[in-house]
């Protein structure tokens, strides 16, 4: 008989000490007491374009940490911050993301519907993620968690902000190389089952207003098609996402 008890979780001090021993990069993994944790630091933008799009790295990082705390206080499914110091936080491991689960055939329709419903629940709290994608949602076998609250995340979200969340999550599903449309439809089914009608109508309004985005994406779509790259095309996903939202 094995009478050994599980190891106690490491202290915040132990986690931070381990974090200081890994390379100074945006995201690093550490293991303590048999469990995995993630070290997150400000991003180092490689170009002026990313700096303009995402903002000054240290300020953007501080904003994200503050948002994680604020979202958690409202009951949102965001990463647990286990320890922090200036320019560094230690996050719990919340399992693989949905993109990886889909790629390995481990994301069933029930889980995808749950992801759509989870976004609706986030919106019901008056929040918006800002840029949700399948890579920003993790599943640990019991709970879905939203990662990476960036510039578009809001504590006082307007209907248009939340509609943009719906569009971006479905767009990321269409970009999946397998099987994008069915994945998007299943997620949408979950969202609509949990979202109020007014919020769904806001998503359809936004899709109608984004006709110009489909026009802008057309050259990239046809260039990819000419090159024989029809799978995982983010340009083609623009029109496919609009069509799905408007037809649902």
C-alpha atoms as a PDB file:
ATOM      1  CA  UNK A   1       0.000   0.000   0.000  1.00  0.00           C
ATOM      2  CA  UNK A   2       1.347   3.429  -0.968  1.00  0.00           C
ATOM      3  CA  UNK A   3       0.809   5.750   1.981  1.00  0.00           C
ATOM      4  CA  UNK A   4       2.757   8.646   0.520  1.00  0.00           C
ATOM      5  CA  UNK A   5       0.829  11.910   0.376  1.00  0.00           C
ATOM      6  CA  UNK A   6       0.941  14.271  -2.608  1.00  0.00           C
ATOM      7  CA  UNK A   7       3.615  16.918  -2.529  1.00  0.00           C
ATOM      8  CA  UNK A   8       2.415  20.310  -1.300  1.00  0.00           C
ATOM      9  CA  UNK A   9       2.225  23.045  -3.955  1.00  0.00           C
ATOM     10  CA  UNK A  10       5.373  25.171  -4.196  1.00  0.00           C
ATOM     11  CA  UNK A  11       5.358  28.556  -2.506  1.00  0.00           C
ATOM     12  CA  UNK A  12       5.287  31.811  -4.431  1.00  0.00           C
ATOM     13  CA  UNK A  13       8.921  32.363  -3.443  1.00  0.00           C
ATOM     14  CA  UNK A  14       9.933  28.967  -4.834  1.00  0.00           C
ATOM     15  CA  UNK A  15       8.094  29.637  -8.094  1.00  0.00           C
ATOM     16  CA  UNK A  16       9.747  33.016  -8.549  1.00  0.00           C
ATOM     17  CA  UNK A  17      13.170  31.574  -7.757  1.00  0.00           C
ATOM     18  CA  UNK A  18      12.645  28.921 -10.443  1.00  0.00           C
ATOM     19  CA  UNK A  19      11.462  31.596 -12.880  1.00  0.00           C
ATOM     20  CA  UNK A  20      14.690  33.554 -12.446  1.00  0.00           C
ATOM     21  CA  UNK A  21      16.666  30.523 -13.623  1.00  0.00           C
ATOM     22  CA  UNK A  22      15.006  30.294 -17.053  1.00  0.00           C
ATOM     23  CA  UNK A  23      15.751  32.444 -20.122  1.00  0.00           C
ATOM     24  CA  UNK A  24      14.290  35.940 -20.175  1.00  0.00           C
ATOM     25  CA  UNK A  25      11.653  35.354 -22.847  1.00  0.00           C
ATOM     26  CA  UNK A  26       7.932  36.071 -23.216  1.00  0.00           C
ATOM     27  CA  UNK A  27       6.784  32.592 -22.151  1.00  0.00           C
ATOM     28  CA  UNK A  28       8.814  29.860 -20.495  1.00  0.00           C
ATOM     29  CA  UNK A  29       7.911  26.613 -18.779  1.00  0.00           C
ATOM     30  CA  UNK A  30       9.096  25.447 -15.371  1.00  0.00           C
ATOM     31  CA  UNK A  31       8.378  22.316 -13.334  1.00  0.00           C
ATOM     32  CA  UNK A  32       8.246  22.054  -9.564  1.00  0.00           C
ATOM     33  CA  UNK A  33       6.930  19.278  -7.325  1.00  0.00           C
ATOM     34  CA  UNK A  34       5.926  17.295 -10.383  1.00  0.00           C
ATOM     35  CA  UNK A  35       3.714  20.021 -11.832  1.00  0.00           C
ATOM     36  CA  UNK A  36       4.141  22.390 -14.747  1.00  0.00           C
ATOM     37  CA  UNK A  37       3.877  26.196 -14.569  1.00  0.00           C
ATOM     38  CA  UNK A  38       4.389  29.018 -17.025  1.00  0.00           C
ATOM     39  CA  UNK A  39       6.522  32.122 -16.624  1.00  0.00           C
ATOM     40  CA  UNK A  40       5.213  35.126 -18.535  1.00  0.00           C
ATOM     41  CA  UNK A  41       7.104  38.372 -19.120  1.00  0.00           C
ATOM     42  CA  UNK A  42       6.713  41.443 -21.342  1.00  0.00           C
ATOM     43  CA  UNK A  43       6.927  40.713 -25.035  1.00  0.00           C
ATOM     44  CA  UNK A  44       9.921  41.942 -27.044  1.00  0.00           C
ATOM     45  CA  UNK A  45       8.500  43.286 -30.313  1.00  0.00           C
ATOM     46  CA  UNK A  46      10.676  42.533 -33.320  1.00  0.00           C
ATOM     47  CA  UNK A  47       9.271  45.333 -35.446  1.00  0.00           C
ATOM     48  CA  UNK A  48       7.760  48.794 -35.243  1.00  0.00           C
ATOM     49  CA  UNK A  49       4.503  47.422 -36.644  1.00  0.00           C
ATOM     50  CA  UNK A  50       4.007  45.098 -33.685  1.00  0.00           C
ATOM     51  CA  UNK A  51       4.940  47.839 -31.238  1.00  0.00           C
ATOM     52  CA  UNK A  52       2.333  50.144 -32.784  1.00  0.00           C
ATOM     53  CA  UNK A  53      -0.271  47.378 -32.856  1.00  0.00           C
ATOM     54  CA  UNK A  54       0.273  45.981 -29.356  1.00  0.00           C
ATOM     55  CA  UNK A  55       1.693  48.987 -27.531  1.00  0.00           C
ATOM     56  CA  UNK A  56       4.777  49.518 -25.406  1.00  0.00           C
ATOM     57  CA  UNK A  57       5.624  46.021 -24.053  1.00  0.00           C
ATOM     58  CA  UNK A  58       5.994  46.784 -20.337  1.00  0.00           C
ATOM     59  CA  UNK A  59       2.847  48.899 -20.270  1.00  0.00           C
ATOM     60  CA  UNK A  60       0.898  46.272 -22.223  1.00  0.00           C
ATOM     61  CA  UNK A  61       2.125  43.541 -19.871  1.00  0.00           C
ATOM     62  CA  UNK A  62       1.130  45.506 -16.762  1.00  0.00           C
ATOM     63  CA  UNK A  63      -2.307  46.097 -18.283  1.00  0.00           C
ATOM     64  CA  UNK A  64      -2.763  42.390 -19.017  1.00  0.00           C
ATOM     65  CA  UNK A  65      -1.819  41.398 -15.460  1.00  0.00           C
ATOM     66  CA  UNK A  66      -4.259  43.956 -14.056  1.00  0.00           C
ATOM     67  CA  UNK A  67      -6.971  42.652 -16.381  1.00  0.00           C
ATOM     68  CA  UNK A  68      -6.391  39.038 -15.341  1.00  0.00           C
ATOM     69  CA  UNK A  69      -6.893  40.043 -11.695  1.00  0.00           C
ATOM     70  CA  UNK A  70      -9.987  42.086 -12.555  1.00  0.00           C
ATOM     71  CA  UNK A  71     -11.501  39.375 -14.763  1.00  0.00           C
ATOM     72  CA  UNK A  72     -10.882  36.772 -12.044  1.00  0.00           C
ATOM     73  CA  UNK A  73     -12.582  39.000  -9.466  1.00  0.00           C
ATOM     74  CA  UNK A  74     -15.692  38.950 -11.663  1.00  0.00           C
ATOM     75  CA  UNK A  75     -15.639  35.171 -11.890  1.00  0.00           C
ATOM     76  CA  UNK A  76     -14.193  34.878 -15.396  1.00  0.00           C
ATOM     77  CA  UNK A  77     -12.284  31.772 -16.476  1.00  0.00           C
ATOM     78  CA  UNK A  78      -8.802  33.288 -16.793  1.00  0.00           C
ATOM     79  CA  UNK A  79      -5.375  31.925 -15.803  1.00  0.00           C
ATOM     80  CA  UNK A  80      -4.551  31.657 -12.126  1.00  0.00           C
ATOM     81  CA  UNK A  81      -1.647  33.933 -11.185  1.00  0.00           C
ATOM     82  CA  UNK A  82       0.275  32.020  -8.521  1.00  0.00           C
ATOM     83  CA  UNK A  83       3.138  34.468  -8.007  1.00  0.00           C
ATOM     84  CA  UNK A  84       4.311  37.769  -9.429  1.00  0.00           C
ATOM     85  CA  UNK A  85       6.981  40.401  -9.248  1.00  0.00           C
ATOM     86  CA  UNK A  86       7.903  43.361 -11.430  1.00  0.00           C
ATOM     87  CA  UNK A  87       7.882  42.229 -15.051  1.00  0.00           C
ATOM     88  CA  UNK A  88       7.054  38.588 -14.305  1.00  0.00           C
ATOM     89  CA  UNK A  89       4.062  36.416 -13.401  1.00  0.00           C
ATOM     90  CA  UNK A  90       3.793  32.684 -12.772  1.00  0.00           C
ATOM     91  CA  UNK A  91       0.670  31.095 -14.233  1.00  0.00           C
ATOM     92  CA  UNK A  92      -0.879  27.724 -13.533  1.00  0.00           C
ATOM     93  CA  UNK A  93      -0.931  25.155 -16.326  1.00  0.00           C
ATOM     94  CA  UNK A  94      -4.509  24.977 -17.645  1.00  0.00           C
ATOM     95  CA  UNK A  95      -3.936  22.216 -20.177  1.00  0.00           C
ATOM     96  CA  UNK A  96      -3.527  22.128 -23.970  1.00  0.00           C
ATOM     97  CA  UNK A  97      -5.247  24.708 -26.161  1.00  0.00           C
ATOM     98  CA  UNK A  98      -8.143  23.892 -28.463  1.00  0.00           C
ATOM     99  CA  UNK A  99      -6.093  24.326 -31.641  1.00  0.00           C
ATOM    100  CA  UNK A 100      -3.672  21.614 -30.499  1.00  0.00           C
ATOM    101  CA  UNK A 101      -6.521  19.390 -29.322  1.00  0.00           C
ATOM    102  CA  UNK A 102      -8.217  19.712 -32.711  1.00  0.00           C
ATOM    103  CA  UNK A 103      -4.976  19.011 -34.539  1.00  0.00           C
ATOM    104  CA  UNK A 104      -4.540  15.760 -32.625  1.00  0.00           C
ATOM    105  CA  UNK A 105      -8.199  14.738 -32.886  1.00  0.00           C
ATOM    106  CA  UNK A 106      -8.891  15.168 -29.172  1.00  0.00           C
ATOM    107  CA  UNK A 107     -11.540  17.931 -29.337  1.00  0.00           C
ATOM    108  CA  UNK A 108     -15.018  16.444 -29.614  1.00  0.00           C
ATOM    109  CA  UNK A 109     -18.193  18.409 -30.521  1.00  0.00           C
ATOM    110  CA  UNK A 110     -19.236  18.641 -26.884  1.00  0.00           C
ATOM    111  CA  UNK A 111     -16.007  20.418 -25.981  1.00  0.00           C
ATOM    112  CA  UNK A 112     -16.308  22.801 -28.928  1.00  0.00           C
ATOM    113  CA  UNK A 113     -19.881  23.671 -27.964  1.00  0.00           C
ATOM    114  CA  UNK A 114     -18.662  24.267 -24.421  1.00  0.00           C
ATOM    115  CA  UNK A 115     -16.060  26.697 -25.785  1.00  0.00           C
ATOM    116  CA  UNK A 116     -18.779  28.713 -27.516  1.00  0.00           C
ATOM    117  CA  UNK A 117     -20.889  28.707 -24.353  1.00  0.00           C
ATOM    118  CA  UNK A 118     -17.844  29.754 -22.302  1.00  0.00           C
ATOM    119  CA  UNK A 119     -17.422  32.844 -24.493  1.00  0.00           C
ATOM    120  CA  UNK A 120     -21.117  33.661 -23.998  1.00  0.00           C
ATOM    121  CA  UNK A 121     -20.660  33.358 -20.226  1.00  0.00           C
ATOM    122  CA  UNK A 122     -17.654  35.685 -20.377  1.00  0.00           C
ATOM    123  CA  UNK A 123     -19.834  38.203 -22.204  1.00  0.00           C
ATOM    124  CA  UNK A 124     -22.623  37.762 -19.644  1.00  0.00           C
ATOM    125  CA  UNK A 125     -20.179  39.098 -17.042  1.00  0.00           C
ATOM    126  CA  UNK A 126     -19.909  42.311 -19.071  1.00  0.00           C
ATOM    127  CA  UNK A 127     -16.439  41.408 -20.348  1.00  0.00           C
ATOM    128  CA  UNK A 128     -14.799  40.982 -23.719  1.00  0.00           C
ATOM    129  CA  UNK A 129     -11.628  39.015 -24.463  1.00  0.00           C
ATOM    130  CA  UNK A 130     -10.534  41.203 -27.347  1.00  0.00           C
ATOM    131  CA  UNK A 131      -8.921  38.650 -29.646  1.00  0.00           C
ATOM    132  CA  UNK A 132     -10.102  35.122 -28.829  1.00  0.00           C
ATOM    133  CA  UNK A 133      -8.825  32.262 -30.950  1.00  0.00           C
ATOM    134  CA  UNK A 134      -8.657  28.517 -30.530  1.00  0.00           C
ATOM    135  CA  UNK A 135      -5.088  28.933 -29.278  1.00  0.00           C
ATOM    136  CA  UNK A 136      -6.316  31.233 -26.519  1.00  0.00           C
ATOM    137  CA  UNK A 137      -8.659  28.674 -24.932  1.00  0.00           C
ATOM    138  CA  UNK A 138      -7.231  25.837 -22.837  1.00  0.00           C
ATOM    139  CA  UNK A 139      -8.866  22.672 -21.529  1.00  0.00           C
ATOM    140  CA  UNK A 140      -7.535  20.753 -18.529  1.00  0.00           C
ATOM    141  CA  UNK A 141     -10.185  18.057 -18.577  1.00  0.00           C
ATOM    142  CA  UNK A 142     -12.509  19.928 -16.249  1.00  0.00           C
ATOM    143  CA  UNK A 143     -12.422  23.637 -17.082  1.00  0.00           C
ATOM    144  CA  UNK A 144     -11.964  25.915 -20.085  1.00  0.00           C
ATOM    145  CA  UNK A 145      -9.668  28.896 -19.529  1.00  0.00           C
ATOM    146  CA  UNK A 146      -9.170  32.022 -21.669  1.00  0.00           C
ATOM    147  CA  UNK A 147      -5.562  33.159 -22.147  1.00  0.00           C
ATOM    148  CA  UNK A 148      -3.878  36.307 -23.478  1.00  0.00           C
ATOM    149  CA  UNK A 149      -5.997  39.314 -22.588  1.00  0.00           C
ATOM    150  CA  UNK A 150      -4.506  41.916 -24.892  1.00  0.00           C
ATOM    151  CA  UNK A 151      -5.362  45.388 -26.160  1.00  0.00           C
ATOM    152  CA  UNK A 152      -8.981  44.615 -27.028  1.00  0.00           C
ATOM    153  CA  UNK A 153      -9.938  43.159 -23.639  1.00  0.00           C
ATOM    154  CA  UNK A 154     -12.549  45.218 -21.780  1.00  0.00           C
ATOM    155  CA  UNK A 155     -14.126  45.228 -18.331  1.00  0.00           C
ATOM    156  CA  UNK A 156     -17.019  47.371 -19.547  1.00  0.00           C
ATOM    157  CA  UNK A 157     -17.611  45.774 -22.927  1.00  0.00           C
ATOM    158  CA  UNK A 158     -20.001  47.225 -25.476  1.00  0.00           C
ATOM    159  CA  UNK A 159     -22.135  44.889 -27.623  1.00  0.00           C
ATOM    160  CA  UNK A 160     -19.889  45.623 -30.621  1.00  0.00           C
ATOM    161  CA  UNK A 161     -16.796  44.568 -28.623  1.00  0.00           C
ATOM    162  CA  UNK A 162     -18.427  41.250 -27.773  1.00  0.00           C
ATOM    163  CA  UNK A 163     -19.650  40.803 -31.349  1.00  0.00           C
ATOM    164  CA  UNK A 164     -16.042  41.180 -32.495  1.00  0.00           C
ATOM    165  CA  UNK A 165     -15.095  38.395 -30.060  1.00  0.00           C
ATOM    166  CA  UNK A 166     -17.609  36.085 -31.746  1.00  0.00           C
ATOM    167  CA  UNK A 167     -16.318  36.950 -35.210  1.00  0.00           C
ATOM    168  CA  UNK A 168     -12.660  36.436 -34.290  1.00  0.00           C
ATOM    169  CA  UNK A 169     -13.214  33.104 -32.544  1.00  0.00           C
ATOM    170  CA  UNK A 170     -15.174  31.716 -35.490  1.00  0.00           C
ATOM    171  CA  UNK A 171     -12.571  33.091 -37.921  1.00  0.00           C
ATOM    172  CA  UNK A 172      -9.842  31.218 -36.043  1.00  0.00           C
ATOM    173  CA  UNK A 173     -11.899  28.037 -36.401  1.00  0.00           C
ATOM    174  CA  UNK A 174     -12.172  28.468 -40.178  1.00  0.00           C
ATOM    175  CA  UNK A 175      -8.401  28.925 -40.394  1.00  0.00           C
ATOM    176  CA  UNK A 176      -7.917  25.474 -38.848  1.00  0.00           C
ATOM    177  CA  UNK A 177      -6.756  23.107 -41.549  1.00  0.00           C
ATOM    178  CA  UNK A 178      -9.135  20.400 -40.340  1.00  0.00           C
ATOM    179  CA  UNK A 179     -12.209  20.630 -40.414  1.00  0.00           C
ATOM    180  CA  UNK A 180     -12.713  24.370 -40.162  1.00  0.00           C
ATOM    181  CA  UNK A 181     -16.336  24.869 -41.129  1.00  0.00           C
ATOM    182  CA  UNK A 182     -17.711  22.122 -38.896  1.00  0.00           C
ATOM    183  CA  UNK A 183     -15.598  23.376 -35.996  1.00  0.00           C
ATOM    184  CA  UNK A 184     -16.932  26.908 -36.447  1.00  0.00           C
ATOM    185  CA  UNK A 185     -20.551  25.702 -36.683  1.00  0.00           C
ATOM    186  CA  UNK A 186     -20.217  23.665 -33.504  1.00  0.00           C
ATOM    187  CA  UNK A 187     -18.672  26.547 -31.555  1.00  0.00           C
ATOM    188  CA  UNK A 188     -21.382  28.862 -32.833  1.00  0.00           C
ATOM    189  CA  UNK A 189     -24.073  26.427 -31.709  1.00  0.00           C
ATOM    190  CA  UNK A 190     -22.623  26.535 -28.201  1.00  0.00           C
ATOM    191  CA  UNK A 191     -22.452  30.320 -28.203  1.00  0.00           C
ATOM    192  CA  UNK A 192     -26.022  30.783 -29.392  1.00  0.00           C
ATOM    193  CA  UNK A 193     -27.340  28.303 -26.822  1.00  0.00           C
ATOM    194  CA  UNK A 194     -25.957  30.450 -23.997  1.00  0.00           C
ATOM    195  CA  UNK A 195     -26.044  34.022 -25.356  1.00  0.00           C
ATOM    196  CA  UNK A 196     -29.089  36.300 -25.203  1.00  0.00           C
ATOM    197  CA  UNK A 197     -30.768  37.082 -28.509  1.00  0.00           C
ATOM    198  CA  UNK A 198     -29.692  40.742 -28.405  1.00  0.00           C
ATOM    199  CA  UNK A 199     -26.019  39.745 -28.266  1.00  0.00           C
ATOM    200  CA  UNK A 200     -26.400  37.387 -31.211  1.00  0.00           C
ATOM    201  CA  UNK A 201     -28.139  40.121 -33.179  1.00  0.00           C
ATOM    202  CA  UNK A 202     -25.163  42.402 -32.426  1.00  0.00           C
ATOM    203  CA  UNK A 203     -22.846  39.757 -33.918  1.00  0.00           C
ATOM    204  CA  UNK A 204     -24.973  39.615 -37.074  1.00  0.00           C
ATOM    205  CA  UNK A 205     -24.994  43.414 -37.336  1.00  0.00           C
ATOM    206  CA  UNK A 206     -21.225  43.500 -37.170  1.00  0.00           C
ATOM    207  CA  UNK A 207     -20.923  40.778 -39.820  1.00  0.00           C
ATOM    208  CA  UNK A 208     -23.114  42.821 -42.178  1.00  0.00           C
ATOM    209  CA  UNK A 209     -20.982  45.908 -41.571  1.00  0.00           C
ATOM    210  CA  UNK A 210     -17.750  44.048 -42.345  1.00  0.00           C
ATOM    211  CA  UNK A 211     -18.513  43.558 -46.052  1.00  0.00           C
ATOM    212  CA  UNK A 212     -15.543  45.804 -46.853  1.00  0.00           C
ATOM    213  CA  UNK A 213     -13.196  43.440 -45.003  1.00  0.00           C
ATOM    214  CA  UNK A 214     -14.136  40.659 -47.393  1.00  0.00           C
ATOM    215  CA  UNK A 215     -13.316  42.947 -50.324  1.00  0.00           C
ATOM    216  CA  UNK A 216      -9.882  43.712 -48.855  1.00  0.00           C
ATOM    217  CA  UNK A 217      -9.220  40.018 -48.264  1.00  0.00           C
ATOM    218  CA  UNK A 218     -10.154  38.975 -51.822  1.00  0.00           C
ATOM    219  CA  UNK A 219      -6.684  39.483 -53.434  1.00  0.00           C
ATOM    220  CA  UNK A 220      -4.981  37.451 -50.722  1.00  0.00           C
ATOM    221  CA  UNK A 221      -7.618  34.740 -51.012  1.00  0.00           C
ATOM    222  CA  UNK A 222      -7.195  34.354 -54.771  1.00  0.00           C
ATOM    223  CA  UNK A 223      -3.406  34.513 -54.568  1.00  0.00           C
ATOM    224  CA  UNK A 224      -3.400  31.666 -52.070  1.00  0.00           C
ATOM    225  CA  UNK A 225      -5.799  29.706 -54.271  1.00  0.00           C
ATOM    226  CA  UNK A 226      -3.584  30.298 -57.336  1.00  0.00           C
ATOM    227  CA  UNK A 227      -0.661  28.901 -55.351  1.00  0.00           C
ATOM    228  CA  UNK A 228      -2.737  25.848 -54.425  1.00  0.00           C
ATOM    229  CA  UNK A 229      -2.889  26.731 -50.722  1.00  0.00           C
ATOM    230  CA  UNK A 230      -6.603  26.448 -50.016  1.00  0.00           C
ATOM    231  CA  UNK A 231      -6.372  25.050 -46.486  1.00  0.00           C
ATOM    232  CA  UNK A 232      -5.882  27.274 -43.462  1.00  0.00           C
ATOM    233  CA  UNK A 233      -6.290  30.488 -45.460  1.00  0.00           C
ATOM    234  CA  UNK A 234      -7.087  33.410 -43.182  1.00  0.00           C
ATOM    235  CA  UNK A 235      -8.164  35.502 -46.184  1.00  0.00           C
ATOM    236  CA  UNK A 236     -10.770  32.958 -47.277  1.00  0.00           C
ATOM    237  CA  UNK A 237     -11.867  32.611 -43.653  1.00  0.00           C
ATOM    238  CA  UNK A 238     -13.055  36.250 -43.662  1.00  0.00           C
ATOM    239  CA  UNK A 239     -15.890  35.573 -46.092  1.00  0.00           C
ATOM    240  CA  UNK A 240     -16.647  32.139 -44.646  1.00  0.00           C
ATOM    241  CA  UNK A 241     -17.032  33.611 -41.165  1.00  0.00           C
ATOM    242  CA  UNK A 242     -19.364  36.366 -42.378  1.00  0.00           C
ATOM    243  CA  UNK A 243     -21.461  33.873 -44.327  1.00  0.00           C
ATOM    244  CA  UNK A 244     -21.843  31.565 -41.340  1.00  0.00           C
ATOM    245  CA  UNK A 245     -22.899  34.344 -38.965  1.00  0.00           C
ATOM    246  CA  UNK A 246     -25.346  35.853 -41.431  1.00  0.00           C
ATOM    247  CA  UNK A 247     -26.933  32.517 -42.317  1.00  0.00           C
ATOM    248  CA  UNK A 248     -27.305  31.174 -38.770  1.00  0.00           C
END
